Amino acid sequence: MNCSRSLPLRFLSCWPSSLLARSALPKAAVRHNSTSAVSQAAKENLSWPEYLAIRKGKRRWETAVTIPCTFLGFAGGILYFGNLETDASKPIMGIDPFFFYGFATMGCAGFGYLMGPTIGSAIWRTTHRRTMALIEARDREFHKHIVKNRVDPAAQTATNPVPDFYGEKIGSLHSYRQWLRDQAKYKRKAEWPEDV
């Protein structure tokens, strides 16, 4: 290998003698720039496996935050409704106060359960700010694929429910292919129920 000192600082490196002998240095520099542009464009697009892994991670964040939010809602309901003075002789909306406060406490736990995915998604979005534009672009494209390939829910029955209508459980290419197979199987069942 020969090292050339007449090159600008950014191209200062050891080049193979075959490149220097053929005067291919400018072409190599141009080629290097074009491949870096291609790699830059590749960085600006998420591959499907990367996107699905990110989506699976987001779902895990939402689930992980839902559990403590449910317990916090339940604990908050117990703390609030447990400290209220109750008179058993005065029903609340025709219901015994202890039962009413119990249902209200369970309602607080349900509210925590419903708020968990929202809070988890917000936390996840703050940790993935740099790639949000790419993720949202893939989300739109993924939604188009789901809408195009999912079955018509009008044919659903109690014994034949629609399999994962929104594609929420898809977390890898394997699970996406399985989702497509499930949709095709459902279509066959809906069209020809006696064949199954």
Protein backbone atom coordinates (compact mmCIF):
# COMPACT_ATOMS: atom_id res chain seq x y z
CA MET A 1 0.00 0.00 0.00
CA ASN A 2 1.12 3.52 -0.75
CA CYS A 3 0.24 6.51 1.33
CA SER A 4 -0.33 9.72 -0.58
CA ARG A 5 0.41 13.06 1.06
CA SER A 6 -0.88 15.21 -1.81
CA LEU A 7 -4.51 14.45 -1.03
CA PRO A 8 -6.69 16.74 1.04
CA LEU A 9 -6.85 15.90 4.73
CA ARG A 10 -10.22 14.16 4.53
CA PHE A 11 -8.90 11.74 1.87
CA LEU A 12 -5.56 11.20 3.58
CA SER A 13 -5.28 7.47 3.99
CA CYS A 14 -3.37 4.52 2.70
CA TRP A 15 -4.64 3.59 -0.76
CA PRO A 16 -3.87 0.31 -2.48
CA SER A 17 -1.14 0.75 -5.09
CA SER A 18 -3.48 -0.60 -7.79
CA LEU A 19 -5.82 2.35 -7.29
CA LEU A 20 -2.99 4.87 -7.44
CA ALA A 21 -1.44 3.20 -10.48
CA ARG A 22 -4.69 3.37 -12.44
CA SER A 23 -5.35 6.98 -11.47
CA ALA A 24 -8.63 5.87 -9.98
CA LEU A 25 -8.31 8.09 -6.96
CA PRO A 26 -10.95 10.64 -7.99
CA LYS A 27 -13.35 7.85 -9.00
CA ALA A 28 -12.79 6.12 -5.70
CA ALA A 29 -13.48 9.37 -3.88
CA VAL A 30 -16.67 9.90 -5.89
CA ARG A 31 -17.70 6.33 -5.29
CA HIS A 32 -17.03 6.71 -1.58
CA ASN A 33 -19.25 9.76 -1.50
CA SER A 34 -22.05 8.01 -3.37
CA THR A 35 -21.97 4.99 -1.08
CA SER A 36 -22.07 7.24 1.95
CA ALA A 37 -25.13 8.92 0.45
CA VAL A 38 -26.70 5.51 -0.01
CA SER A 39 -25.86 4.52 3.56
CA GLN A 40 -27.29 7.85 4.74
CA ALA A 41 -30.52 7.10 2.85
CA ALA A 42 -30.55 3.61 4.37
CA LYS A 43 -30.29 5.17 7.82
CA GLU A 44 -33.30 7.33 7.02
CA ASN A 45 -35.48 4.27 6.37
CA LEU A 46 -36.38 1.64 8.90
CA SER A 47 -36.36 -1.91 7.66
CA TRP A 48 -39.45 -3.95 8.44
CA PRO A 49 -37.73 -6.16 11.03
CA GLU A 50 -36.38 -3.05 12.80
CA TYR A 51 -39.78 -1.37 12.71
CA LEU A 52 -41.59 -4.44 14.02
CA ALA A 53 -39.03 -4.83 16.81
CA ILE A 54 -39.54 -1.17 17.76
CA ARG A 55 -43.31 -1.69 17.67
CA LYS A 56 -43.00 -4.74 19.92
CA GLY A 57 -40.86 -2.72 22.33
CA LYS A 58 -43.47 0.02 22.40
CA ARG A 59 -46.18 -2.49 23.25
CA ARG A 60 -44.02 -3.84 26.08
CA TRP A 61 -43.53 -0.30 27.46
CA GLU A 62 -47.29 0.24 27.41
CA THR A 63 -47.91 -3.06 29.22
CA ALA A 64 -45.14 -2.43 31.74
CA VAL A 65 -46.58 0.97 32.66
CA THR A 66 -50.18 -0.31 32.75
CA ILE A 67 -49.51 -2.63 35.70
CA PRO A 68 -48.24 0.04 38.14
CA CYS A 69 -50.89 2.52 36.94
CA THR A 70 -53.60 -0.02 37.77
CA PHE A 71 -52.17 -0.55 41.26
CA LEU A 72 -51.78 3.21 41.78
CA GLY A 73 -55.39 3.77 40.75
CA PHE A 74 -56.54 1.03 43.10
CA ALA A 75 -54.41 2.38 45.97
CA GLY A 76 -55.66 5.92 45.31
CA GLY A 77 -59.25 4.69 45.40
CA ILE A 78 -58.65 2.85 48.67
CA LEU A 79 -56.97 5.89 50.23
CA TYR A 80 -59.73 8.28 49.17
CA PHE A 81 -62.86 6.19 49.61
CA GLY A 82 -61.50 4.35 52.65
CA ASN A 83 -61.11 7.61 54.56
CA LEU A 84 -64.62 8.92 53.87
CA GLU A 85 -67.05 8.79 56.74
CA THR A 86 -69.95 6.54 55.91
CA ASP A 87 -73.35 6.10 57.39
CA ALA A 88 -74.78 2.68 56.60
CA SER A 89 -78.33 3.99 57.08
CA LYS A 90 -77.93 6.53 54.22
CA PRO A 91 -77.64 4.79 50.85
CA ILE A 92 -75.80 6.50 47.99
CA MET A 93 -77.94 6.40 44.82
CA GLY A 94 -79.90 3.56 46.41
CA ILE A 95 -76.78 1.47 47.07
CA ASP A 96 -75.17 0.61 50.39
CA PRO A 97 -72.22 3.03 50.91
CA PHE A 98 -69.69 0.22 51.41
CA PHE A 99 -70.63 -1.37 48.09
CA PHE A 100 -70.71 2.01 46.37
CA TYR A 101 -67.23 2.91 47.62
CA GLY A 102 -65.99 -0.56 46.66
CA PHE A 103 -67.29 -0.10 43.11
CA ALA A 104 -65.80 3.41 43.00
CA THR A 105 -62.42 2.00 44.12
CA MET A 106 -62.59 -0.62 41.36
CA GLY A 107 -63.47 2.21 38.97
CA CYS A 108 -60.27 4.01 40.02
CA ALA A 109 -58.29 0.83 39.28
CA GLY A 110 -60.01 0.59 35.89
CA PHE A 111 -59.15 4.20 35.16
CA GLY A 112 -55.50 3.46 36.00
CA TYR A 113 -55.65 0.44 33.69
CA LEU A 114 -56.97 2.62 30.85
CA MET A 115 -54.43 5.40 31.45
CA GLY A 116 -51.44 3.03 31.61
CA PRO A 117 -51.00 2.49 27.85
CA THR A 118 -51.37 6.23 27.21
CA ILE A 119 -48.72 7.12 29.78
CA GLY A 120 -46.46 4.27 28.60
CA SER A 121 -46.76 5.43 25.01
CA ALA A 122 -45.92 9.01 26.00
CA ILE A 123 -42.84 7.86 27.92
CA TRP A 124 -41.79 5.64 25.01
CA ARG A 125 -42.19 8.53 22.56
CA THR A 126 -39.93 10.77 24.66
CA THR A 127 -37.22 8.09 24.63
CA HIS A 128 -37.45 7.66 20.82
CA ARG A 129 -37.65 11.30 19.70
CA ARG A 130 -34.87 11.01 17.12
CA THR A 131 -36.57 8.32 15.08
CA MET A 132 -40.21 9.34 15.51
CA ALA A 133 -40.56 10.64 11.94
CA LEU A 134 -39.30 7.32 10.56
CA ILE A 135 -41.48 5.31 12.92
CA GLU A 136 -44.59 7.34 12.07
CA ALA A 137 -43.93 6.92 8.33
CA ARG A 138 -43.64 3.15 8.82
CA ASP A 139 -46.77 3.22 11.01
CA ARG A 140 -48.76 4.74 8.15
CA GLU A 141 -47.39 2.20 5.68
CA PHE A 142 -48.03 -0.67 8.10
CA HIS A 143 -51.60 0.52 8.66
CA LYS A 144 -52.17 0.49 4.89
CA HIS A 145 -50.94 -3.13 4.77
CA ILE A 146 -53.23 -4.09 7.65
CA VAL A 147 -56.30 -2.41 6.13
CA LYS A 148 -55.61 -4.01 2.76
CA ASN A 149 -55.15 -7.54 4.11
CA ARG A 150 -57.56 -7.80 7.03
CA VAL A 151 -60.89 -9.53 6.72
CA ASP A 152 -64.34 -7.99 6.66
CA PRO A 153 -65.68 -8.13 10.22
CA ALA A 154 -69.29 -8.28 9.01
CA ALA A 155 -69.02 -12.08 8.72
CA GLN A 156 -67.90 -12.51 12.33
CA THR A 157 -69.91 -14.74 14.64
CA ALA A 158 -69.58 -15.71 18.29
CA THR A 159 -67.92 -18.99 17.30
CA ASN A 160 -65.78 -17.42 14.56
CA PRO A 161 -64.35 -14.08 15.82
CA VAL A 162 -62.06 -11.92 13.68
CA PRO A 163 -58.39 -12.74 14.43
CA ASP A 164 -56.46 -9.64 15.61
CA PHE A 165 -58.36 -7.12 13.47
CA TYR A 166 -55.95 -4.24 14.10
CA GLY A 167 -52.74 -6.29 13.96
CA GLU A 168 -51.80 -5.26 17.49
CA LYS A 169 -49.97 -8.49 18.29
CA ILE A 170 -47.65 -8.32 15.28
CA GLY A 171 -44.08 -7.96 16.55
CA SER A 172 -41.95 -9.68 13.91
CA LEU A 173 -42.01 -10.76 10.28
CA HIS A 174 -42.91 -14.27 11.43
CA SER A 175 -45.91 -13.02 13.39
CA TYR A 176 -46.94 -10.82 10.41
CA ARG A 177 -46.88 -13.86 8.12
CA GLN A 178 -48.87 -15.79 10.71
CA TRP A 179 -51.36 -12.92 10.87
CA LEU A 180 -51.74 -13.08 7.06
CA ARG A 181 -52.33 -16.85 7.25
CA ASP A 182 -54.93 -16.35 9.99
CA GLN A 183 -56.72 -13.73 7.90
CA ALA A 184 -56.76 -16.05 4.86
CA LYS A 185 -58.04 -18.93 7.00
CA TYR A 186 -60.79 -16.70 8.38
CA LYS A 187 -61.81 -15.65 4.86
CA ARG A 188 -62.06 -19.30 3.81
CA LYS A 189 -64.13 -20.10 6.91
CA ALA A 190 -66.44 -17.16 6.29
CA GLU A 191 -66.98 -18.05 2.62
CA TRP A 192 -67.20 -21.84 2.97
CA PRO A 193 -68.14 -22.68 6.57
CA GLU A 194 -68.98 -26.33 5.79
CA ASP A 195 -65.45 -27.08 4.50
CA VAL A 196 -63.85 -26.47 7.88
